Each structure stands twice: as C-alpha cells, then as structure tokens.
Protein backbone atom coordinates (compact mmCIF):
# COMPACT_ATOMS: atom_id res chain seq x y z
CA MET A 1 -114.99 246.23 172.61
CA ARG A 2 -118.09 248.33 171.94
CA ARG A 3 -117.71 247.72 168.24
CA ASN A 4 -117.48 243.94 168.76
CA LYS A 5 -120.60 243.93 170.90
CA LEU A 6 -122.43 245.88 168.20
CA LEU A 7 -121.30 243.43 165.56
CA LEU A 8 -122.40 240.50 167.74
CA LEU A 9 -125.80 242.13 168.26
CA ILE A 10 -126.26 242.70 164.54
CA ALA A 11 -125.19 239.13 163.76
CA SER A 12 -127.55 237.76 166.40
CA LEU A 13 -130.47 239.82 165.12
CA GLY A 14 -129.67 238.74 161.57
CA THR A 15 -129.57 235.09 162.61
CA LEU A 16 -132.89 235.43 164.42
CA ALA A 17 -134.40 237.11 161.36
CA LEU A 18 -133.06 234.35 159.13
CA LEU A 19 -134.40 231.64 161.43
CA GLY A 20 -137.73 233.43 161.67
CA THR A 21 -137.97 233.73 157.90
CA ALA A 22 -137.08 230.06 157.47
CA ALA A 23 -139.67 229.06 160.07
CA TYR A 24 -142.31 231.21 158.36
CA GLN A 25 -141.54 229.73 154.95
CA GLU A 26 -141.57 226.19 156.30
CA THR A 27 -144.67 226.39 158.50
CA ILE A 28 -146.82 229.01 156.83
CA ALA A 29 -145.63 230.07 153.39
CA ARG A 30 -144.89 226.69 151.81
CA GLU A 31 -146.93 226.27 148.64
CA TRP A 32 -148.56 223.03 149.71
CA ARG A 33 -149.57 224.54 153.08
CA ARG A 34 -151.12 227.55 151.35
CA LEU A 35 -153.01 225.29 148.94
CA GLN A 36 -154.29 223.10 151.74
CA ARG A 37 -155.57 226.16 153.59
CA ASP A 38 -157.31 227.25 150.38
CA TYR A 39 -158.81 223.77 150.04
CA ARG A 40 -160.05 223.84 153.63
CA GLY A 41 -161.67 227.20 152.93
CA LYS A 42 -163.72 225.65 150.13
CA LEU A 43 -165.08 222.79 152.26
CA ASP A 44 -168.35 222.88 154.12
CA PRO A 45 -167.94 223.63 157.86
CA ALA A 46 -168.34 220.01 158.97
CA HIS A 47 -165.53 218.75 156.71
CA ALA A 48 -163.37 221.84 157.25
CA ALA A 49 -163.35 221.27 161.01
CA ASP A 50 -161.88 217.79 160.53
CA PHE A 51 -159.32 218.82 157.93
CA ALA A 52 -155.75 219.21 159.15
CA VAL A 53 -152.97 220.89 157.20
CA HIS A 54 -150.05 218.47 156.95
CA LEU A 55 -147.80 216.82 154.41
CA ARG A 56 -149.60 213.99 152.59
CA GLN A 57 -148.27 211.22 150.40
CA VAL A 58 -149.13 207.95 148.69
CA TYR A 59 -146.68 205.24 149.67
CA VAL A 60 -146.72 201.92 147.80
CA PRO A 61 -143.84 199.74 149.03
CA ALA A 62 -144.41 197.03 146.42
CA LEU A 63 -143.86 199.56 143.62
CA ALA A 64 -141.24 201.61 145.49
CA ALA A 65 -143.54 204.62 144.98
CA THR A 66 -143.57 207.64 147.30
CA ASP A 67 -145.63 210.43 145.78
CA ARG A 68 -146.50 213.67 147.57
CA CYS A 69 -148.63 215.07 144.76
CA ILE A 70 -151.72 214.88 147.00
CA SER A 71 -150.18 217.44 149.32
CA CYS A 72 -151.32 220.01 146.72
CA HIS A 73 -153.97 218.05 144.84
CA VAL A 74 -155.71 217.36 148.13
CA GLY A 75 -159.03 216.38 146.61
CA MET A 76 -157.35 213.29 145.14
CA ALA A 77 -156.13 212.07 148.54
CA PRO A 78 -157.80 208.95 149.97
CA GLY A 79 -160.82 209.87 152.07
CA GLU A 80 -161.15 213.40 150.72
CA THR A 81 -164.36 214.63 149.10
CA GLY A 82 -162.69 216.97 146.63
CA VAL A 83 -164.11 220.18 145.23
CA ASP A 84 -166.24 219.60 142.15
CA GLY A 85 -165.08 221.47 139.08
CA ASP A 86 -161.84 222.69 140.65
CA ARG A 87 -158.76 221.97 138.55
CA VAL A 88 -156.41 221.65 141.53
CA PHE A 89 -158.73 220.39 144.28
CA GLY A 90 -161.10 218.21 142.26
CA ARG A 91 -161.27 214.46 142.66
CA HIS A 92 -159.23 212.30 140.32
CA PRO A 93 -161.18 211.47 137.14
CA ASP A 94 -162.63 207.98 136.98
CA VAL A 95 -159.92 205.75 135.56
CA VAL A 96 -159.36 202.01 135.55
CA HIS A 97 -156.93 202.14 138.51
CA ASP A 98 -157.25 203.75 141.95
CA PRO A 99 -154.40 206.30 142.21
CA ALA A 100 -154.00 205.41 145.88
CA ASP A 101 -152.93 201.91 144.82
CA TYR A 102 -150.30 203.01 142.33
CA GLY A 103 -149.28 206.56 143.13
CA CYS A 104 -149.05 209.37 140.61
CA VAL A 105 -145.62 209.37 138.98
CA ILE A 106 -145.95 205.87 137.54
CA CYS A 107 -148.63 207.27 135.20
CA HIS A 108 -147.96 211.01 134.98
CA ASP A 109 -144.16 211.20 135.43
CA GLY A 110 -142.74 214.18 137.31
CA GLN A 111 -140.90 214.21 140.64
CA GLY A 112 -143.16 212.56 143.15
CA ARG A 113 -141.28 213.42 146.33
CA ALA A 114 -141.20 217.16 145.61
CA THR A 115 -143.64 219.51 147.34
CA GLU A 116 -143.27 222.61 145.13
CA SER A 117 -145.24 222.59 141.88
CA ALA A 118 -142.33 223.36 139.53
CA ALA A 119 -140.18 220.60 141.01
CA ALA A 120 -143.08 218.14 141.29
CA HIS A 121 -144.04 218.70 137.64
CA GLY A 122 -140.41 218.25 136.63
CA ASP A 123 -140.17 221.77 135.21
CA VAL A 124 -136.70 222.22 136.63
CA GLU A 125 -133.29 222.01 135.08
CA PHE A 126 -131.79 218.53 134.64
CA TRP A 127 -134.86 216.57 135.84
CA PRO A 128 -135.10 213.77 133.21
CA HIS A 129 -138.78 212.88 133.66
CA PRO A 130 -141.01 215.96 133.39
CA MET A 131 -144.73 215.46 133.87
CA LEU A 132 -146.71 214.49 130.78
CA PRO A 133 -148.73 217.38 129.29
CA GLU A 134 -152.36 217.30 130.35
CA LYS A 135 -153.65 216.72 126.80
CA TYR A 136 -151.45 213.60 126.55
CA ALA A 137 -152.07 212.37 130.10
CA PHE A 138 -153.24 208.94 128.92
CA ALA A 139 -149.85 208.38 127.30
CA GLY A 140 -148.81 207.31 130.81
CA CYS A 141 -150.74 204.06 130.30
CA GLY A 142 -147.84 202.93 128.12
CA SER A 143 -145.62 202.75 131.19
CA CYS A 144 -147.18 199.40 132.04
CA HIS A 145 -149.61 198.46 129.27
CA THR A 146 -148.99 197.19 125.75
CA HIS A 147 -152.25 197.48 123.86
CA LEU A 148 -152.52 194.49 121.55
CA ALA A 149 -153.90 193.82 118.06
CA VAL A 150 -154.53 197.51 117.34
CA PRO A 151 -155.81 197.85 113.74
CA ASN A 152 -155.17 200.64 111.28
CA LEU A 153 -157.11 203.86 111.64
CA GLY A 154 -159.52 203.06 108.83
CA GLU A 155 -160.65 199.79 110.39
CA LEU A 156 -160.94 201.39 113.82
CA GLY A 157 -163.02 204.22 112.38
CA ARG A 158 -165.22 201.76 110.54
CA GLY A 159 -165.98 199.95 113.80
CA ARG A 160 -166.85 203.21 115.53
CA GLN A 161 -169.17 204.22 112.67
CA LEU A 162 -170.94 200.84 112.83
CA VAL A 163 -171.51 201.25 116.57
CA GLU A 164 -173.15 204.58 115.82
CA ARG A 165 -175.05 203.36 112.75
CA ASN A 166 -176.48 200.34 114.55
CA ASP A 167 -177.70 202.60 117.36
CA CYS A 168 -175.71 200.80 120.07
CA LEU A 169 -175.61 204.05 122.04
CA ALA A 170 -179.36 203.87 122.49
CA CYS A 171 -178.61 201.60 125.45
CA HIS A 172 -174.85 201.64 126.00
CA ARG A 173 -172.51 204.43 127.03
CA LEU A 174 -169.21 204.91 125.25
CA ASP A 175 -166.57 207.45 126.31
CA GLY A 176 -169.19 209.53 128.09
CA ARG A 177 -171.83 209.41 125.35
CA GLY A 178 -175.04 207.42 124.92
CA GLY A 179 -177.31 205.51 127.26
CA THR A 180 -179.73 208.42 127.68
CA LEU A 181 -183.44 207.92 128.21
CA ARG A 182 -185.47 208.46 125.05
CA PRO A 183 -189.04 209.78 125.15
CA GLY A 184 -191.63 207.04 125.00
CA THR A 185 -189.23 204.18 125.75
CA GLU A 186 -188.42 202.16 128.83
CA PRO A 187 -184.83 202.48 130.05
CA VAL A 188 -182.51 199.55 129.32
CA VAL A 189 -179.70 198.74 131.75
CA ALA A 190 -176.67 198.03 129.56
CA PRO A 191 -172.90 197.87 130.24
CA ASP A 192 -170.66 200.83 129.56
CA LEU A 193 -168.50 199.97 126.53
CA SER A 194 -165.63 202.36 127.30
CA ARG A 195 -163.39 199.66 128.80
CA THR A 196 -164.45 196.47 127.05
CA GLY A 197 -160.94 195.94 125.69
CA GLY A 198 -159.63 195.57 129.24
CA THR A 199 -162.56 194.07 131.12
CA GLY A 200 -163.78 191.82 128.32
CA TYR A 201 -167.35 191.27 127.14
CA ASP A 202 -169.69 188.43 126.25
CA ARG A 203 -168.57 187.10 122.86
CA ASP A 204 -172.07 185.70 122.31
CA TRP A 205 -173.55 189.19 122.57
CA TYR A 206 -175.06 189.13 119.10
CA VAL A 207 -176.95 185.86 119.57
CA LYS A 208 -178.33 187.08 122.89
CA HIS A 209 -179.23 190.48 121.48
CA ARG A 210 -181.14 188.82 118.64
CA ALA A 211 -183.04 186.72 121.17
CA HIS A 212 -184.03 189.86 123.12
CA HIS A 213 -185.03 191.57 119.88
CA ASP A 214 -187.20 188.66 118.76
CA ALA A 215 -188.89 188.36 122.17
CA ALA A 216 -189.61 192.08 122.61
CA ALA A 217 -193.01 193.47 121.67
CA GLY A 218 -191.69 197.03 121.32
CA GLY A 219 -189.35 199.58 122.88
CA LEU A 220 -185.64 199.94 122.21
CA TRP A 221 -185.08 196.24 121.52
CA ARG A 222 -187.41 196.48 118.52
CA ALA A 223 -186.60 200.04 117.46
CA SER A 224 -182.82 200.16 117.81
CA PHE A 225 -181.51 196.65 117.30
CA GLY A 226 -181.56 194.72 114.05
CA GLU A 227 -179.60 192.25 111.98
CA ILE A 228 -175.86 192.94 111.65
CA PRO A 229 -173.87 191.20 108.86
CA ASP A 230 -170.87 189.06 109.84
CA GLY A 231 -168.30 191.52 108.45
CA ASP A 232 -169.85 194.42 110.32
CA ARG A 233 -169.93 192.43 113.56
CA ALA A 234 -166.23 191.65 113.19
CA ALA A 235 -165.47 195.37 112.75
CA ILE A 236 -167.60 196.23 115.79
CA GLU A 237 -165.76 193.66 117.89
CA THR A 238 -162.40 194.98 116.70
CA PHE A 239 -163.51 198.40 117.90
CA LEU A 240 -164.77 197.03 121.24
CA ASP A 241 -161.43 195.29 121.76
CA SER A 242 -159.74 198.69 121.40
CA ARG A 243 -161.74 200.37 124.20
CA VAL A 244 -159.30 200.21 127.11
CA GLY A 245 -160.32 203.26 129.14
CA ALA A 246 -157.60 205.47 127.63
CA PRO A 247 -159.44 207.87 125.30
CA GLY A 248 -157.45 208.72 122.19
CA LEU A 249 -154.43 206.52 122.90
CA VAL A 250 -155.47 203.51 120.81
CA GLU A 251 -156.52 205.85 117.99
CA ALA A 252 -153.05 207.42 118.15
CA LYS A 253 -151.46 203.99 117.90
CA ALA A 254 -153.77 203.19 114.96
CA VAL A 255 -152.44 206.28 113.14
CA PHE A 256 -148.94 204.89 113.61
CA HIS A 257 -150.19 201.60 112.18
CA SER A 258 -151.52 203.40 109.10
CA LEU A 259 -148.49 205.45 108.03
CA GLY A 260 -145.86 202.75 107.53
CA CYS A 261 -143.67 203.87 110.43
CA ARG A 262 -142.42 200.36 111.26
CA GLY A 263 -140.91 200.25 107.80
CA CYS A 264 -138.00 202.22 109.27
CA HIS A 265 -138.40 202.01 113.05
CA LYS A 266 -138.44 199.12 115.50
CA ILE A 267 -140.75 198.93 118.48
CA ALA A 268 -140.26 196.01 120.87
CA GLY A 269 -137.93 194.34 118.36
CA VAL A 270 -140.29 194.47 115.36
CA GLY A 271 -139.72 196.87 112.48
CA GLY A 272 -137.04 198.25 110.17
CA ASP A 273 -133.49 199.36 110.89
CA ASP A 274 -133.27 202.61 108.90
CA GLY A 275 -134.41 204.80 111.79
CA PRO A 276 -133.87 204.85 115.57
CA ASP A 277 -135.48 202.24 117.80
CA LEU A 278 -138.61 203.84 119.27
CA THR A 279 -139.37 201.29 122.00
CA ARG A 280 -138.76 203.85 124.78
CA GLU A 281 -139.06 207.08 122.82
CA GLY A 282 -141.44 208.48 125.43
CA GLU A 283 -138.61 208.53 127.97
CA LYS A 284 -136.50 210.98 125.97
CA ASP A 285 -134.54 213.19 128.41
CA PRO A 286 -135.11 216.91 127.72
CA GLY A 287 -131.69 217.67 129.19
CA LEU A 288 -130.06 215.56 126.49
CA THR A 289 -132.27 216.78 123.63
CA ASN A 290 -131.23 219.46 121.16
CA PHE A 291 -133.96 222.12 120.97
CA ARG A 292 -131.93 224.54 118.85
CA HIS A 293 -134.25 224.28 115.85
CA VAL A 294 -137.51 223.85 117.79
CA ARG A 295 -139.88 226.79 117.99
CA GLY A 296 -141.90 227.39 121.14
CA GLU A 297 -141.51 225.63 124.49
CA HIS A 298 -138.58 223.30 124.94
CA THR A 299 -140.64 220.24 125.81
CA ILE A 300 -140.38 216.72 124.46
CA ALA A 301 -143.95 216.93 123.14
CA ASN A 302 -143.09 220.07 121.18
CA TRP A 303 -139.84 218.53 119.92
CA LEU A 304 -141.72 215.48 118.64
CA GLY A 305 -144.36 217.60 116.93
CA GLU A 306 -141.79 219.77 115.17
CA HIS A 307 -139.81 216.69 114.17
CA PHE A 308 -142.86 215.09 112.54
CA ARG A 309 -143.53 218.29 110.60
CA ALA A 310 -139.96 218.76 109.33
CA PRO A 311 -137.53 216.02 110.43
CA ALA A 312 -134.39 217.38 108.75
CA THR A 313 -135.00 220.85 110.20
CA VAL A 314 -135.11 219.61 113.79
CA VAL A 315 -132.38 216.97 113.29
CA PRO A 316 -130.05 218.25 110.54
CA GLY A 317 -129.03 215.42 108.25
CA SER A 318 -131.97 213.20 109.23
CA ALA A 319 -132.78 210.55 106.61
CA MET A 320 -136.48 210.73 107.53
CA PRO A 321 -138.40 212.40 104.71
CA GLN A 322 -140.94 215.15 105.19
CA LEU A 323 -144.16 213.16 105.12
CA GLY A 324 -146.63 216.00 104.68
CA LEU A 325 -148.61 215.02 107.76
CA THR A 326 -151.76 216.82 108.83
CA GLU A 327 -151.83 218.49 112.24
CA ALA A 328 -154.20 215.78 113.46
CA GLN A 329 -151.65 213.12 112.44
CA VAL A 330 -148.80 215.06 114.07
CA ASP A 331 -150.81 215.29 117.29
CA ALA A 332 -151.67 211.58 117.24
CA LEU A 333 -148.09 210.49 116.57
CA THR A 334 -146.81 212.77 119.36
CA PHE A 335 -149.37 211.21 121.70
CA TYR A 336 -148.27 207.69 120.77
CA MET A 337 -144.54 208.48 120.99
CA LEU A 338 -145.01 209.82 124.53
CA SER A 339 -146.68 206.52 125.46
CA LEU A 340 -143.60 204.51 124.45
CA ARG A 341 -142.16 204.14 127.93
CA ARG A 342 -141.63 201.27 130.35
CA SER A 343 -141.85 201.09 134.12
CA ASP A 344 -139.25 198.72 135.51
CA GLN A 345 -141.54 197.10 138.08
CA ARG A 346 -141.31 193.44 138.97
CA GLU A 347 -143.00 191.14 136.48
CA ALA A 348 -145.54 190.12 139.11
CA TYR A 349 -147.09 193.59 138.69
CA TRP A 350 -147.22 193.56 134.90
CA PRO A 351 -150.68 193.69 133.32
CA LYS A 352 -151.78 190.78 131.13
CA ASP A 353 -151.32 192.60 127.83
CA ARG A 354 -147.66 193.35 128.57
CA ILE A 355 -147.03 189.75 129.62
CA ARG A 356 -148.68 188.48 126.44
CA ALA A 357 -146.55 190.80 124.31
CA GLU A 358 -143.18 190.38 126.01
CA ARG A 359 -143.37 186.75 127.08
CA PHE A 360 -145.66 185.11 124.52
CA GLY A 361 -145.06 187.20 121.40
CA ALA A 362 -148.57 188.65 121.04
CA ARG A 363 -148.62 191.35 118.38
CA GLU A 364 -149.28 194.98 119.22
CA PHE A 365 -150.72 195.43 115.73
CA ALA A 366 -153.64 193.59 114.17
CA THR A 367 -152.50 190.90 111.72
CA ASP A 368 -155.01 191.46 108.93
CA GLY A 369 -153.39 192.32 105.60
CA ALA A 370 -154.56 195.94 105.57
CA THR A 371 -153.07 196.74 108.99
CA LEU A 372 -149.83 194.88 108.27
CA PHE A 373 -149.44 196.75 104.99
CA GLY A 374 -150.26 200.03 106.76
CA THR A 375 -147.73 199.64 109.54
CA PHE A 376 -144.86 198.10 107.53
CA CYS A 377 -145.26 199.20 103.91
CA ALA A 378 -147.41 202.33 103.46
CA ALA A 379 -144.67 204.93 104.03
CA CYS A 380 -142.71 203.71 101.00
CA HIS A 381 -145.35 202.18 98.74
CA GLY A 382 -148.24 204.50 99.59
CA PRO A 383 -151.46 203.79 101.51
CA ALA A 384 -153.06 202.28 98.39
CA GLY A 385 -149.85 200.93 96.84
CA GLU A 386 -149.59 203.97 94.56
CA GLY A 387 -145.86 204.40 95.22
CA MET A 388 -144.19 207.33 96.96
CA ARG A 389 -141.59 209.89 96.03
CA TYR A 390 -139.65 211.94 98.57
CA PRO A 391 -137.09 214.70 97.87
CA GLY A 392 -133.59 213.31 97.45
CA MET A 393 -134.78 209.69 97.24
CA ALA A 394 -135.48 207.33 94.38
CA ALA A 395 -139.15 206.72 93.76
CA PHE A 396 -140.61 203.75 95.60
CA PRO A 397 -142.44 201.20 93.40
CA ALA A 398 -146.19 201.39 92.89
CA ILE A 399 -146.97 197.84 93.90
CA GLY A 400 -150.71 198.43 93.63
CA ASN A 401 -150.31 199.22 89.93
CA PRO A 402 -152.56 196.86 87.92
CA ASP A 403 -149.85 196.37 85.28
CA PHE A 404 -147.45 195.20 87.99
CA LEU A 405 -149.95 192.86 89.61
CA ALA A 406 -150.95 191.45 86.22
CA VAL A 407 -147.41 190.04 85.80
CA ALA A 408 -146.28 189.56 89.44
CA SER A 409 -147.21 186.12 90.77
CA ASP A 410 -148.03 185.49 94.42
CA ARG A 411 -144.75 183.59 94.60
CA PHE A 412 -142.85 186.67 93.38
CA LEU A 413 -144.64 188.88 95.94
CA THR A 414 -143.99 186.40 98.74
CA GLU A 415 -140.30 186.13 97.86
CA THR A 416 -140.01 189.92 97.74
CA VAL A 417 -141.69 190.50 101.11
CA THR A 418 -139.80 187.63 102.73
CA HIS A 419 -136.28 188.31 101.47
CA GLY A 420 -136.42 191.99 100.53
CA ARG A 421 -133.84 193.66 98.31
CA PRO A 422 -130.31 193.62 99.77
CA GLY A 423 -128.63 197.00 99.40
CA ARG A 424 -131.94 198.79 98.87
CA ARG A 425 -134.54 200.25 101.24
CA MET A 426 -136.72 197.12 101.05
CA PRO A 427 -136.08 194.99 104.21
CA ALA A 428 -136.36 191.21 104.39
CA TRP A 429 -139.56 191.15 106.43
CA GLY A 430 -139.69 187.38 106.62
CA GLU A 431 -136.28 187.18 108.30
CA GLY A 432 -137.19 188.37 111.79
CA GLY A 433 -140.02 190.82 111.12
CA LEU A 434 -143.16 189.13 109.83
CA ARG A 435 -144.30 185.59 110.45
CA PRO A 436 -145.13 183.35 107.44
CA GLU A 437 -148.88 183.72 107.89
CA GLU A 438 -148.43 187.50 108.15
CA VAL A 439 -146.45 187.57 104.90
CA THR A 440 -149.32 185.66 103.27
CA ALA A 441 -151.79 188.24 104.61
CA VAL A 442 -149.72 191.12 103.20
CA VAL A 443 -149.49 189.43 99.80
CA GLY A 444 -153.24 188.88 99.82
CA PHE A 445 -153.84 192.55 100.59
CA VAL A 446 -151.43 193.72 97.87
CA ARG A 447 -153.23 191.47 95.41
CA SER A 448 -156.52 193.12 96.35
CA LEU A 449 -155.16 196.59 95.51
CA ALA A 450 -155.67 195.96 91.81
CA GLY A 451 -159.33 195.10 92.25
CA ARG A 452 -160.21 192.22 89.97
CA THR A 453 -156.76 191.74 88.46
CA PRO A 454 -156.12 187.98 88.92
CA ALA A 455 -152.75 186.48 89.79
CA PRO A 456 -150.92 185.57 86.56
CA VAL A 457 -150.66 181.93 85.49
CA ASP A 458 -147.30 181.28 83.86
CA ALA A 459 -147.08 178.06 81.86
CA GLU A 460 -143.53 178.80 80.71
CA PRO A 461 -140.41 177.48 82.46
CA TYR A 462 -138.92 179.70 85.11
CA ARG A 463 -136.05 180.57 82.71
CA TRP A 464 -136.86 180.41 79.03
CA ALA A 465 -135.29 183.47 77.36
CA LYS A 466 -132.60 182.47 74.79
CA GLY A 467 -131.98 185.86 73.23
CA ASP A 468 -128.75 187.46 72.06
CA ALA A 469 -127.32 188.94 75.26
CA ALA A 470 -124.83 191.12 73.33
CA ALA A 471 -127.64 192.67 71.30
CA GLY A 472 -129.63 192.97 74.53
CA ALA A 473 -126.78 194.95 76.09
CA GLU A 474 -126.99 197.55 73.31
CA LEU A 475 -130.76 197.76 73.58
CA TYR A 476 -130.52 198.07 77.36
CA ALA A 477 -127.95 200.88 77.13
CA GLY A 478 -130.17 202.84 74.76
CA THR A 479 -133.58 202.30 76.33
CA CYS A 480 -133.22 201.18 79.97
CA ALA A 481 -129.96 202.44 81.51
CA SER A 482 -131.14 205.99 82.08
CA CYS A 483 -133.70 204.75 84.65
CA HIS A 484 -132.27 201.45 85.86
CA GLY A 485 -128.56 202.37 85.78
CA GLU A 486 -125.81 201.26 83.41
CA LYS A 487 -125.05 198.25 85.58
CA GLY A 488 -128.60 197.68 86.79
CA GLU A 489 -127.86 199.45 90.07
CA GLY A 490 -131.12 201.37 89.99
CA LYS A 491 -131.86 205.08 89.60
CA GLU A 492 -135.37 206.27 88.85
CA GLY A 493 -136.34 202.65 88.29
CA PRO A 494 -135.66 199.58 90.44
CA ALA A 495 -132.24 197.90 90.67
CA LEU A 496 -132.41 195.05 88.16
CA ALA A 497 -129.02 193.61 89.13
CA ASN A 498 -130.22 192.90 92.66
CA PRO A 499 -129.66 189.19 93.38
CA ARG A 500 -132.92 188.76 95.27
CA PHE A 501 -134.88 190.41 92.48
CA LEU A 502 -133.30 188.20 89.85
CA ALA A 503 -133.90 185.07 91.93
CA ALA A 504 -137.60 185.89 92.37
CA ALA A 505 -138.40 187.20 88.88
CA THR A 506 -139.28 184.77 86.10
CA ASP A 507 -138.37 185.47 82.49
CA THR A 508 -142.06 185.94 81.79
CA TYR A 509 -142.25 188.60 84.51
CA LEU A 510 -139.30 190.47 82.98
CA ALA A 511 -140.54 190.16 79.40
CA GLU A 512 -144.13 191.15 80.21
CA THR A 513 -142.94 194.12 82.25
CA ILE A 514 -140.94 195.38 79.28
CA ARG A 515 -143.84 194.76 76.92
CA ARG A 516 -146.67 196.17 79.08
CA GLY A 517 -144.83 198.86 81.03
CA ARG A 518 -146.39 200.46 84.12
CA ARG A 519 -149.15 202.95 83.53
CA ASN A 520 -148.87 206.26 85.43
CA THR A 521 -145.16 205.65 86.06
CA SER A 522 -141.99 206.42 84.11
CA MET A 523 -141.84 202.83 82.83
CA PRO A 524 -143.19 202.86 79.22
CA ALA A 525 -144.80 199.95 77.37
CA PHE A 526 -142.07 199.01 74.89
CA GLY A 527 -144.43 196.62 73.14
CA SER A 528 -146.73 199.45 72.05
CA ALA A 529 -146.11 202.24 69.56
CA SER A 530 -145.20 205.61 71.05
CA PRO A 531 -143.55 208.83 69.82
CA GLN A 532 -141.34 208.82 72.96
CA HIS A 533 -139.57 205.47 72.43
CA ARG A 534 -138.96 202.75 69.91
CA VAL A 535 -141.05 199.55 69.89
CA LEU A 536 -139.29 196.33 70.84
CA ASP A 537 -140.39 193.10 69.18
CA ASP A 538 -140.41 189.70 70.88
CA ARG A 539 -136.86 188.89 69.75
CA GLU A 540 -135.49 192.16 71.12
CA ILE A 541 -137.38 191.78 74.40
CA ALA A 542 -135.91 188.29 74.82
CA ALA A 543 -132.46 189.75 74.11
CA VAL A 544 -132.86 192.38 76.86
CA VAL A 545 -134.07 189.69 79.31
CA SER A 546 -131.07 187.51 78.44
CA PHE A 547 -128.74 190.45 79.04
CA VAL A 548 -130.32 191.21 82.43
CA ARG A 549 -129.78 187.55 83.33
CA THR A 550 -126.03 187.94 82.83
CA TRP A 551 -125.92 189.93 86.06
CA GLU A 552 -127.39 186.93 87.83
CA VAL A 553 -124.74 184.61 86.41
CA SER A 554 -121.85 186.99 87.12
CA ARG A 555 -122.90 187.26 90.76
C-alpha cells in the first residue's frame, strides 16, 4: 500500500511538472511570444503601453488566406509602427500591394498558419512549399502576374542606358535612384518610374516634354531634356513598360528570352517539346526532388542553379547540354524559374496581365524579330546566328552565315521556320508555336544577320537540274556522305533527305550551296580550287543535285 501511494505521488508530481512545463512553453516560452516581448521592448513608452502580446494573423476570406507571419514579424501587422532598420520587426518594404489585403504566403510561400519560424518558413520535412529565399523574394509576383511583352536582355539594357543617357533621372526616380535636387536648379516634381509598367504612363510624354523644354528659360527643362530620336524613344518606352515594381524579375525573364530556352521548353503552352514543361517549375516540391548530386543546401534554388551549371551532373542522362552560362545568367534563370508558379485563386482576383495572357493570348515575350529569335532560336543557332556545337550533338547550322543567306530566299526561311525539320531538332514553329506575323519577324531578323547581304532573286524554275543521277550518286558518296550521311540522314552536316528540306529548297539553292560552300564551317566551296577537295564543274554539281532529288521522289 505504501509503495502504491509513493508511486501515485510520483506520478502526480510528474503530471504537474509536465502540465507546468507545457503551460510555460505555451504562455511564456513560445517563440512568437518571446519575439513580441522583444518588439515591445524596442517601442517608445507610449506605444509599448498599448501593445499587447497575443497571436496575430491576416485573414482574407476571399483568398482563403490565413497567415500568422505577423505574430513574429510584428512590425508588418496593420496599425503597427515597426522598428526602422530591424530585419524582423521592420515595416514591410513599399510594394505595389498592401500585405494586409493579400496575406504573406500568396507571395512568399511557406506555411502561413504556423507560429514557429522553421515551420512557418517551410524548413521542415515534407512541407512542399518552402518560403522563397530573400534574394529571390520578388519571384513570388509570378504567383498571380504574367509580365507581358518582355524583350530580350539587350533591348532592355538599351532602354535603361537611354534613360540614363537622356538624363531622365534628373527629375524622375527609378528603383530608388534619381530625382535628387541639383545645385543651382529648381526642383521638378516628376512621377516615379519604378512601376510604370503596371500603373501606366502618359503616352504623349515626349510631345509634352518638348513643350516644357521649349517654354522654359532655363533650369532642368533646358539643361537635361533634349530631342530624342524615334528609335530611342521606342526603346525607352519598352523599358518603361517593363518597370512593374519587381526589381530584377523582368530582367531575369529577359535573360530567358535571350538564351533560346523556349526552343526546348514550353511555358504556358508556347515552346518546344524536347525538354520538360516549365509553366509551374517554381512549384517544384523539394520532397520529391533528387538532391544526390547537388552540392550545398538542399533547396530548390540551389538545385536549379546547379542544374543550369551542369545539367547532366544533376540529372544523369539529361539531354540538356552544358551551356557555359555565367554566374549572372545562372542567378537570373534561377530567379525566373522560381517565379513560374500559379495561385489557384478565382479568376475575379486575377490581375489584368494574367487575364490578357491566359484568356486573350497576349504574349509574355516581345514580338520583335530579335526577341523572338532570342527566345526560340538562339540556343541552337547562336545569339548571332553563328551556329552552336554541344558535346555529343551534331552541329547546329549557322543561319547567320552570309554564304547561307546569299542563297536562302525568304520563302525558304519562312518554310523552314514554319514547318521545321521532321525527325531533327528543328521544330515546326508555325504549327502551334509562332503566329504568321511572328514568323515573318523572325525571318526578317535572320536576314539582317548578314548585314547587307540581299535576299537572292532566282529566275530559274523551282526544279531545273537534269543531271545524271547515277553519276551524282558516285560523286555524293565520295565528297558528301562523310558529313551528310550515306542516305542523306545527316551527320556533321544537315540531313539532306529530310522531306521538309527538299520541299523548301530550290535546285538553285542546292547548286549554289555546293558551289559556294559555307565559310567558317566544314562545308567547302566545291566550285573553287582547294588542296583539300576536288573541284566540281556545273555538270557534276547538277548531277549531285539530281541525285539528292531522288530521295524526294522515293519518299
């Protein structure tokens, strides 16, 4: 009996200790309570007296959002003053949206209902939506927004340089710079340009600026504003359209639009089929991601960075070549990939850019020839059409080569872009990828790559070669098969037996290609003397063309 009483006493004391510990942890030791007490200690006495320690949350029924992040980040709570310069207790940076209207997780990811930092940030096992890294915080804008008509990086950079060169920052602020008072000048009240892509701006700005300049007797209007050529104004406006209050994000998307990534990957239904669809790449679940070959932290941002540096190392067997990207490009592409996410809110809450893209087919990329070539073609054909070669792959044609453009008509280029090369890496961009006017823009840009090389004028019939195909077969076997394949299947050189190629190519194109060759490539000029190969005369060239045409007939 005595022993049982002792055991009961010990059990009771243990239970009381357990309950006391639980009560202490819940009412005093919880992380959010400790942080709120620290916050109160940093307030001035008047505000501290009115501050109560309690659980806080942002609740937005329309978005089904319940976020308790402000229980720790108290300075971001509605009605709070915040502590200037404090990383945890500071006010939320000035952004387009009020966090109290949308909550936190919709932009930053994480686990909004948690009240411990590790769980709230998603740094716990099996949580599929960890918080975005601070340096990529603006990637969260992609949850709702679809930034439209983003140009390539070169055009975006040109617009930024013109804003600087034309001294626009003498009056305007842009991403925290400019608009400062200059000695000896009167201040000018001018709009901040950091969000013009979202808020809009007066499209007659130049006419009105010129009127102010002409009417001013001196000051900034006379000193800092002058005539701007039409082309420069267009570049400036392209840049202004890209300022959406998300520093770095549009530039990251512009990098994507400069490296030919859509040649292999689809985003929102537009792009190639060789690689995975990237439409929601930013939602990759770390719990389902293989980090075996990734150095450093096992985060999605780190996985993406390592993958861009060495794709086949991170994903063994990957068909993606090692692109030789700079660290700045790796960082930009990681930023953009993390932005490829989609909140599943009701359409009534979608922003205008997303509605325009998903319901009305507005393009996310600019539709000038340079940007279209950059986002669809540059990875294979090179940024300047110089052609590309990757380990384990056949060389991609140098379509900016002047010898090629001297014999390739606009019709040939259009047919190639539109219908591609079945069985090869060249997709049929006109069959569900590019619109007819976009194909025309790409062809125009490709034509410009050769400088002043005009489009060829072919007075001959489409098919005119009447050579001896049997003799052409012997010549082909001895001079062409090593590069183009014995049956025209393609090796180092293009596949000549491809039905789309044969349908688009004229006999003049084939004959002139054999005669002229392609400088700086492995295709020699068989019409010119050389110690490396025999010279083919007109009769022999016609014979080779006639033999190549037999593949067209047989198919």
